[in-house]
Amino acid sequence: MEKVERMANGKSWKELLLDYALYIILIIMIIGVIVADRSFLSMNNFLTILAQASTRAILALGVAGMIVLAGTDLSAGRILGCGAAVSASLLQSVTYSSRMYPGITEPLPMIVPLLLSIIVCVAFCLLNGFGVAKLHMHAFIISLGTQLIAYGVLCLYIDSQKGGAQPLASLDAGYIQLVNGRLLGIPHLVYFMIICAVIMWFIWNKTTLGKNMFAIGGNPEAAAVSGVNVAKNIMLIYLLAGVLYGIAAFLEAGRIQSVTTATGTNYDLDAISGCVIGGVSFSGGVGTIPGILIGVIILQVINYSLYYLGVNAYLQYVIKGLIIILAVAIDVRKYIAKK
C-alpha cells in the first residue's frame, strides 16, 4: 500500500492541494474578510463587485484569446484608456462649457461613440496581430510597444483640449444612465457582461474560428499542416479582441465618469490575472468562458475586500502581485507535469 493515497485520476492529495492552492488561498482570504467585517456579506456589495468586474471581464474575454494562442497582451489597459477617452469626449454634456468638442450642441446617438471606440481599439489590436501573425514577433514584445504607443496617443488626445490637459468629465446624463442604471435591481453592466460572455462562448465552442484558435494555441505547426490558415485566424482573434476592448472602454468611461491619462492603468494585469485564475493556460490551447468570468470576479472580490477593509493601497499591489506569481507558477507546474 502506497504511503500517499492516490485518487482515481492518479494524483495524490498533495498534488491536488498544489493544483488548487490558489483557489484555497483566495477562499481563505475571502472568509477572513467576512469574519473581519460581516457587513461585507451584503447584496449591495455583491452587486457592486459584479458591476466593477463587468468591464474587466469583457476586457479579459478579449485578452483570453491571446493567452489561448500562447501569447498575451500588455497593451489592453492602455488601449481601453484610448477608447474610453474617445467615448467620454464625444459624450460630454452639451451644457458643459469646457467640453472638448463645443461644436457638438446636441447629444450624439450612443452608437456613434461606441463604434468609434471599437474602431480605435481594433486599430491597436490589429497592430499587435500583424506583429504576431506576419512579423512573427512574440506577443509580449509587440504588445509592450503598442502599450507605449497607446499611452502616448491617450496623453496627446487629452492634452489637445483647448484648456489643456484636464479630466474628460461632466458626461451626458443619458449615457450615465445607460451604463450605471439598473434593471430588476441588477446593474446594466452585469447584463452587458453576460451578453458578451454568451457571444464569446458561442464563438469559442461552436464556430470554426474558435476551434482553430485552440488548435493554433495547442500546436501551431500541426494546425498549419491540417490546413488552418494560422496568420488569418490570429488576425481574426486580435480583431475580435479589439471589438471587446472597444465595448469595455465605452462602458468603463460611463462607469467611472471621469477619464484621465491614468484610465486603464493595470487593467491588462487584472485581465491576465483573471484569465489565469480562471484556468486559461499560458501554455496555449486551454481555457473556458465560465472560468474567465469566475476568475475575474474572484479577483475583483479580493480587490474590493482589501479596499473595503482599508488595507494600505501599496500593500494591495504586493498582494495582487503575489496572486499573479502564484497563479502562473501553478499553471507552469501543470504544463510541466503534462509534458
Protein backbone atom coordinates (compact mmCIF):
# COMPACT_ATOMS: atom_id res chain seq x y z
CA MET A 1 0.00 0.00 0.00
CA GLU A 2 1.36 3.40 -1.01
CA LYS A 3 2.20 5.88 1.76
CA VAL A 4 0.25 8.57 -0.03
CA GLU A 5 -3.25 7.60 -1.02
CA ARG A 6 -3.95 8.40 -4.66
CA MET A 7 -7.20 9.49 -6.24
CA ALA A 8 -8.87 7.79 -9.20
CA ASN A 9 -7.02 10.05 -11.64
CA GLY A 10 -3.65 9.03 -10.19
CA LYS A 11 -2.98 12.29 -8.34
CA SER A 12 -2.06 12.35 -4.67
CA TRP A 13 -3.73 14.62 -2.17
CA LYS A 14 -0.53 16.66 -2.08
CA GLU A 15 -0.62 17.19 -5.85
CA LEU A 16 -4.28 18.15 -5.74
CA LEU A 17 -3.60 20.68 -2.98
CA LEU A 18 -0.80 22.19 -5.06
CA ASP A 19 -3.01 22.35 -8.17
CA TYR A 20 -5.79 24.13 -6.30
CA ALA A 21 -3.59 26.08 -3.87
CA LEU A 22 -4.53 29.44 -5.40
CA TYR A 23 -8.28 28.82 -5.05
CA ILE A 24 -7.81 27.62 -1.48
CA ILE A 25 -5.80 30.73 -0.57
CA LEU A 26 -8.32 33.06 -2.23
CA ILE A 27 -11.24 31.37 -0.46
CA ILE A 28 -9.42 31.65 2.87
CA MET A 29 -8.81 35.35 2.18
CA ILE A 30 -12.48 35.93 1.39
CA ILE A 31 -13.57 34.05 4.53
CA GLY A 32 -11.09 36.14 6.54
CA VAL A 33 -12.62 39.35 5.18
CA ILE A 34 -16.14 38.17 6.06
CA VAL A 35 -15.02 37.25 9.59
CA ALA A 36 -13.27 40.63 9.98
CA ASP A 37 -16.34 42.57 8.86
CA ARG A 38 -19.62 40.70 8.41
CA SER A 39 -21.25 43.72 6.78
CA PHE A 40 -19.13 42.86 3.73
CA LEU A 41 -21.52 39.99 3.03
CA SER A 42 -24.42 42.01 1.63
CA MET A 43 -26.35 42.01 -1.64
CA ASN A 44 -25.38 45.61 -2.33
CA ASN A 45 -21.67 44.79 -2.03
CA PHE A 46 -22.12 41.74 -4.24
CA LEU A 47 -23.81 43.77 -6.98
CA THR A 48 -21.15 46.48 -6.68
CA ILE A 49 -18.43 43.86 -7.16
CA LEU A 50 -20.21 42.44 -10.21
CA ALA A 51 -20.58 45.92 -11.72
CA GLN A 52 -16.91 46.72 -11.15
CA ALA A 53 -15.86 43.34 -12.54
CA SER A 54 -18.02 43.64 -15.67
CA THR A 55 -15.78 45.89 -17.79
CA ARG A 56 -12.67 43.99 -16.70
CA ALA A 57 -14.42 40.74 -17.57
CA ILE A 58 -15.25 41.98 -21.08
CA LEU A 59 -11.61 43.08 -21.44
CA ALA A 60 -10.47 39.68 -20.14
CA LEU A 61 -12.62 37.88 -22.73
CA GLY A 62 -10.50 39.60 -25.38
CA VAL A 63 -7.17 39.04 -23.62
CA ALA A 64 -8.02 35.37 -23.12
CA GLY A 65 -7.93 34.78 -26.87
CA MET A 66 -4.27 35.86 -26.97
CA ILE A 67 -3.42 33.65 -23.99
CA VAL A 68 -5.12 30.65 -25.63
CA LEU A 69 -2.85 31.39 -28.62
CA ALA A 70 0.07 31.03 -26.15
CA GLY A 71 0.62 34.80 -26.12
CA THR A 72 -0.52 37.74 -24.02
CA ASP A 73 -1.47 41.42 -24.31
CA LEU A 74 0.22 44.02 -22.13
CA SER A 75 -1.42 46.86 -24.05
CA ALA A 76 -5.06 46.05 -23.26
CA GLY A 77 -5.37 48.59 -20.43
CA ARG A 78 -3.89 51.49 -22.38
CA ILE A 79 -5.96 50.61 -25.45
CA LEU A 80 -9.05 50.67 -23.24
CA GLY A 81 -7.96 54.10 -21.98
CA CYS A 82 -7.87 55.44 -25.57
CA GLY A 83 -11.33 54.06 -26.33
CA ALA A 84 -12.68 55.45 -23.06
CA ALA A 85 -11.25 58.90 -23.84
CA VAL A 86 -12.88 58.92 -27.27
CA SER A 87 -16.23 57.85 -25.80
CA ALA A 88 -16.13 60.37 -22.94
CA SER A 89 -15.05 63.30 -25.14
CA LEU A 90 -17.94 62.74 -27.54
CA LEU A 91 -20.50 62.22 -24.78
CA GLN A 92 -19.80 65.20 -22.54
CA SER A 93 -22.89 67.13 -21.60
CA VAL A 94 -23.75 69.78 -24.23
CA THR A 95 -24.33 72.23 -21.37
CA TYR A 96 -20.76 71.81 -20.09
CA SER A 97 -18.87 74.94 -21.14
CA SER A 98 -15.41 73.32 -21.07
CA ARG A 99 -16.33 70.28 -23.15
CA MET A 100 -13.73 69.05 -25.60
CA TYR A 101 -15.95 69.47 -28.67
CA PRO A 102 -18.02 72.67 -28.23
CA GLY A 103 -19.34 72.20 -31.77
CA ILE A 104 -21.47 69.28 -30.56
CA THR A 105 -24.65 71.05 -29.49
CA GLU A 106 -26.96 68.02 -29.42
CA PRO A 107 -26.29 64.69 -27.67
CA LEU A 108 -24.84 62.16 -30.12
CA PRO A 109 -26.54 58.80 -30.63
CA MET A 110 -24.79 56.30 -28.33
CA ILE A 111 -23.90 54.08 -31.27
CA VAL A 112 -21.54 56.74 -32.72
CA PRO A 113 -19.01 56.93 -29.83
CA LEU A 114 -19.35 53.18 -29.31
CA LEU A 115 -18.37 52.46 -32.92
CA LEU A 116 -15.52 54.97 -32.78
CA SER A 117 -14.26 53.40 -29.56
CA ILE A 118 -14.33 49.99 -31.23
CA ILE A 119 -12.55 51.31 -34.34
CA VAL A 120 -9.76 52.87 -32.23
CA CYS A 121 -9.30 49.70 -30.17
CA VAL A 122 -9.43 47.42 -33.21
CA ALA A 123 -6.71 49.52 -34.91
CA PHE A 124 -4.32 48.97 -31.99
CA CYS A 125 -5.19 45.28 -31.72
CA LEU A 126 -4.60 44.73 -35.44
CA LEU A 127 -1.16 46.28 -34.96
CA ASN A 128 -0.49 43.63 -32.31
CA GLY A 129 -1.98 40.93 -34.52
CA PHE A 130 0.14 41.94 -37.51
CA GLY A 131 3.27 41.80 -35.39
CA VAL A 132 2.44 38.29 -34.17
CA ALA A 133 0.94 36.80 -37.33
CA LYS A 134 3.03 38.40 -40.07
CA LEU A 135 6.27 39.58 -38.43
CA HIS A 136 6.40 36.54 -36.10
CA MET A 137 7.15 38.74 -33.09
CA HIS A 138 6.46 37.49 -29.60
CA ALA A 139 3.15 38.83 -28.30
CA PHE A 140 4.92 40.15 -25.19
CA ILE A 141 7.21 42.40 -27.20
CA ILE A 142 4.72 43.75 -29.75
CA SER A 143 2.09 44.44 -27.09
CA LEU A 144 4.69 46.18 -24.90
CA GLY A 145 5.46 48.52 -27.80
CA THR A 146 1.78 49.06 -28.52
CA GLN A 147 1.20 49.81 -24.84
CA LEU A 148 3.61 52.74 -25.04
CA ILE A 149 2.12 53.96 -28.33
CA ALA A 150 -1.42 53.80 -26.96
CA TYR A 151 -0.42 55.63 -23.79
CA GLY A 152 1.27 58.36 -25.84
CA VAL A 153 -1.81 58.71 -28.05
CA LEU A 154 -4.04 58.90 -24.96
CA CYS A 155 -1.92 61.65 -23.40
CA LEU A 156 -1.78 63.61 -26.66
CA TYR A 157 -5.54 63.33 -27.12
CA ILE A 158 -6.41 64.51 -23.61
CA ASP A 159 -3.74 67.25 -23.76
CA SER A 160 -5.21 68.55 -27.04
CA GLN A 161 -8.16 70.12 -25.22
CA LYS A 162 -8.48 73.88 -25.51
CA GLY A 163 -7.98 74.36 -21.77
CA GLY A 164 -5.07 71.93 -21.65
CA ALA A 165 -4.99 68.50 -20.06
CA GLN A 166 -8.00 68.01 -17.81
CA PRO A 167 -10.27 65.05 -16.97
CA LEU A 168 -12.98 64.25 -19.51
CA ALA A 169 -15.93 64.57 -17.16
CA SER A 170 -19.47 66.06 -16.95
CA LEU A 171 -20.85 63.29 -19.15
CA ASP A 172 -24.30 63.18 -20.71
CA ALA A 173 -26.99 62.03 -18.25
CA GLY A 174 -28.45 59.56 -20.74
CA TYR A 175 -25.05 57.93 -21.18
CA ILE A 176 -24.53 57.63 -17.42
CA GLN A 177 -27.98 56.11 -17.04
CA LEU A 178 -27.34 53.60 -19.84
CA VAL A 179 -24.17 52.39 -18.18
CA ASN A 180 -24.94 52.73 -14.48
CA GLY A 181 -28.68 52.17 -14.45
CA ARG A 182 -30.36 49.06 -13.08
CA LEU A 183 -32.94 46.64 -14.42
CA LEU A 184 -34.79 44.47 -11.90
CA GLY A 185 -32.29 45.67 -9.29
CA ILE A 186 -29.29 44.37 -11.27
CA PRO A 187 -26.79 46.84 -12.81
CA HIS A 188 -26.91 47.20 -16.60
CA LEU A 189 -23.18 46.46 -16.64
CA VAL A 190 -23.84 42.91 -15.48
CA TYR A 191 -26.22 42.34 -18.39
CA PHE A 192 -23.64 43.70 -20.84
CA MET A 193 -21.04 41.34 -19.38
CA ILE A 194 -23.36 38.34 -19.68
CA ILE A 195 -24.27 39.18 -23.29
CA CYS A 196 -20.59 39.45 -24.27
CA ALA A 197 -19.79 36.21 -22.42
CA VAL A 198 -22.59 34.30 -24.17
CA ILE A 199 -21.48 35.54 -27.59
CA MET A 200 -17.86 34.62 -26.86
CA TRP A 201 -18.87 31.18 -25.55
CA PHE A 202 -20.65 30.56 -28.86
CA ILE A 203 -17.64 31.74 -30.88
CA TRP A 204 -15.18 29.68 -28.85
CA ASN A 205 -17.22 26.48 -28.81
CA LYS A 206 -19.47 26.49 -31.89
CA THR A 207 -17.52 28.18 -34.69
CA THR A 208 -14.59 27.24 -36.88
CA LEU A 209 -12.68 30.28 -35.61
CA GLY A 210 -12.93 29.01 -32.03
CA LYS A 211 -11.76 25.51 -32.96
CA ASN A 212 -8.88 26.93 -34.99
CA MET A 213 -7.88 29.19 -32.08
CA PHE A 214 -7.50 26.22 -29.73
CA ALA A 215 -5.70 24.22 -32.43
CA ILE A 216 -3.19 27.03 -33.06
CA GLY A 217 -2.65 27.57 -29.34
CA GLY A 218 -2.08 23.87 -28.76
CA ASN A 219 0.26 23.29 -31.70
CA PRO A 220 0.57 25.91 -34.47
CA GLU A 221 2.68 23.66 -36.69
CA ALA A 222 0.16 20.83 -36.54
CA ALA A 223 -2.69 23.31 -37.17
CA ALA A 224 -0.91 24.66 -40.27
CA VAL A 225 -0.32 21.13 -41.59
CA SER A 226 -4.00 20.31 -41.12
CA GLY A 227 -4.97 23.21 -43.39
CA VAL A 228 -5.61 26.01 -40.90
CA ASN A 229 -4.62 29.47 -42.12
CA VAL A 230 -2.68 30.39 -38.97
CA ALA A 231 -1.96 34.04 -39.82
CA LYS A 232 -5.56 34.78 -40.86
CA ASN A 233 -7.03 33.20 -37.73
CA ILE A 234 -4.60 35.04 -35.46
CA MET A 235 -5.60 38.34 -37.06
CA LEU A 236 -9.28 37.50 -36.57
CA ILE A 237 -8.72 36.71 -32.89
CA TYR A 238 -6.98 40.06 -32.42
CA LEU A 239 -9.75 41.85 -34.31
CA LEU A 240 -12.34 40.21 -32.05
CA ALA A 241 -10.32 41.30 -29.02
CA GLY A 242 -10.35 44.88 -30.34
CA VAL A 243 -14.14 44.82 -30.54
CA LEU A 244 -14.35 43.63 -26.93
CA TYR A 245 -11.83 46.26 -25.80
CA GLY A 246 -13.90 48.95 -27.54
CA ILE A 247 -17.10 47.84 -25.81
CA ALA A 248 -15.33 47.65 -22.43
CA ALA A 249 -13.84 51.13 -22.99
CA PHE A 250 -17.22 52.65 -23.84
CA LEU A 251 -18.77 51.15 -20.70
CA GLU A 252 -15.82 51.95 -18.43
CA ALA A 253 -15.89 55.64 -19.35
CA GLY A 254 -19.54 55.81 -18.31
CA ARG A 255 -18.89 53.80 -15.16
CA ILE A 256 -16.05 55.95 -13.78
CA GLN A 257 -17.49 59.18 -15.31
CA SER A 258 -14.08 60.88 -15.46
CA VAL A 259 -11.44 59.76 -17.96
CA THR A 260 -7.81 60.79 -17.46
CA THR A 261 -4.42 59.65 -18.72
CA ALA A 262 -4.43 57.12 -15.85
CA THR A 263 -7.59 55.38 -17.09
CA GLY A 264 -6.84 51.77 -17.93
CA THR A 265 -3.68 51.56 -15.82
CA ASN A 266 -3.07 47.93 -14.75
CA TYR A 267 -6.37 46.80 -16.28
CA ASP A 268 -4.38 44.48 -18.53
CA LEU A 269 -2.76 42.86 -15.47
CA ASP A 270 -6.18 42.38 -13.87
CA ALA A 271 -7.47 40.82 -17.09
CA ILE A 272 -4.46 38.50 -17.41
CA SER A 273 -4.69 37.55 -13.73
CA GLY A 274 -8.41 36.82 -14.04
CA CYS A 275 -7.79 34.62 -17.07
CA VAL A 276 -5.05 32.60 -15.37
CA ILE A 277 -7.04 32.25 -12.15
CA GLY A 278 -9.94 31.09 -14.34
CA GLY A 279 -7.89 28.30 -15.90
CA VAL A 280 -6.66 29.84 -19.16
CA SER A 281 -3.18 28.36 -19.59
CA PHE A 282 -0.14 30.29 -20.80
CA SER A 283 0.99 27.08 -22.48
CA GLY A 284 -1.82 27.68 -25.00
CA GLY A 285 -4.86 25.78 -26.21
CA VAL A 286 -6.69 25.70 -22.85
CA GLY A 287 -9.45 27.93 -21.48
CA THR A 288 -13.19 28.32 -20.92
CA ILE A 289 -15.50 31.33 -20.85
CA PRO A 290 -17.14 30.45 -17.48
CA GLY A 291 -13.67 30.03 -16.00
CA ILE A 292 -12.65 33.51 -17.17
CA LEU A 293 -15.74 35.10 -15.60
CA ILE A 294 -15.19 33.26 -12.32
CA GLY A 295 -11.52 34.22 -12.29
CA VAL A 296 -12.21 37.91 -12.89
CA ILE A 297 -14.99 38.01 -10.28
CA ILE A 298 -12.82 36.25 -7.67
CA LEU A 299 -10.02 38.73 -8.31
CA GLN A 300 -12.44 41.66 -8.02
CA VAL A 301 -13.78 40.25 -4.75
CA ILE A 302 -10.22 40.32 -3.42
CA ASN A 303 -9.63 43.86 -4.74
CA TYR A 304 -12.89 45.15 -3.31
CA SER A 305 -12.44 43.39 0.04
CA LEU A 306 -8.94 44.84 0.52
CA TYR A 307 -10.30 48.31 -0.25
CA TYR A 308 -13.36 47.67 1.95
CA LEU A 309 -11.16 46.77 4.92
CA GLY A 310 -8.97 49.83 4.35
CA VAL A 311 -5.80 47.86 3.59
CA ASN A 312 -2.87 50.09 2.62
CA ALA A 313 -3.00 50.80 -1.13
CA TYR A 314 0.68 49.90 -1.57
CA LEU A 315 0.17 46.61 0.25
CA GLN A 316 -2.69 45.83 -2.13
CA TYR A 317 -0.20 45.90 -5.02
CA VAL A 318 2.01 43.44 -3.13
CA ILE A 319 -0.90 41.04 -2.55
CA LYS A 320 -2.10 41.22 -6.17
CA GLY A 321 1.46 40.67 -7.38
CA LEU A 322 1.79 37.56 -5.23
CA ILE A 323 -1.53 36.27 -6.59
CA ILE A 324 -0.27 36.68 -10.17
CA ILE A 325 3.03 34.90 -9.40
CA LEU A 326 1.24 32.04 -7.65
CA ALA A 327 -1.31 31.66 -10.46
CA VAL A 328 1.38 31.49 -13.15
CA ALA A 329 3.56 29.17 -11.03
CA ILE A 330 0.69 26.71 -10.70
CA ASP A 331 -0.05 26.98 -14.43
CA VAL A 332 3.61 26.26 -15.28
CA ARG A 333 3.64 23.32 -12.89
CA LYS A 334 0.61 21.80 -14.60
CA TYR A 335 2.25 22.31 -18.01
CA ILE A 336 5.48 20.61 -16.90
CA ALA A 337 3.50 17.71 -15.42
CA LYS A 338 1.58 17.34 -18.68
CA LYS A 339 4.83 17.26 -20.64
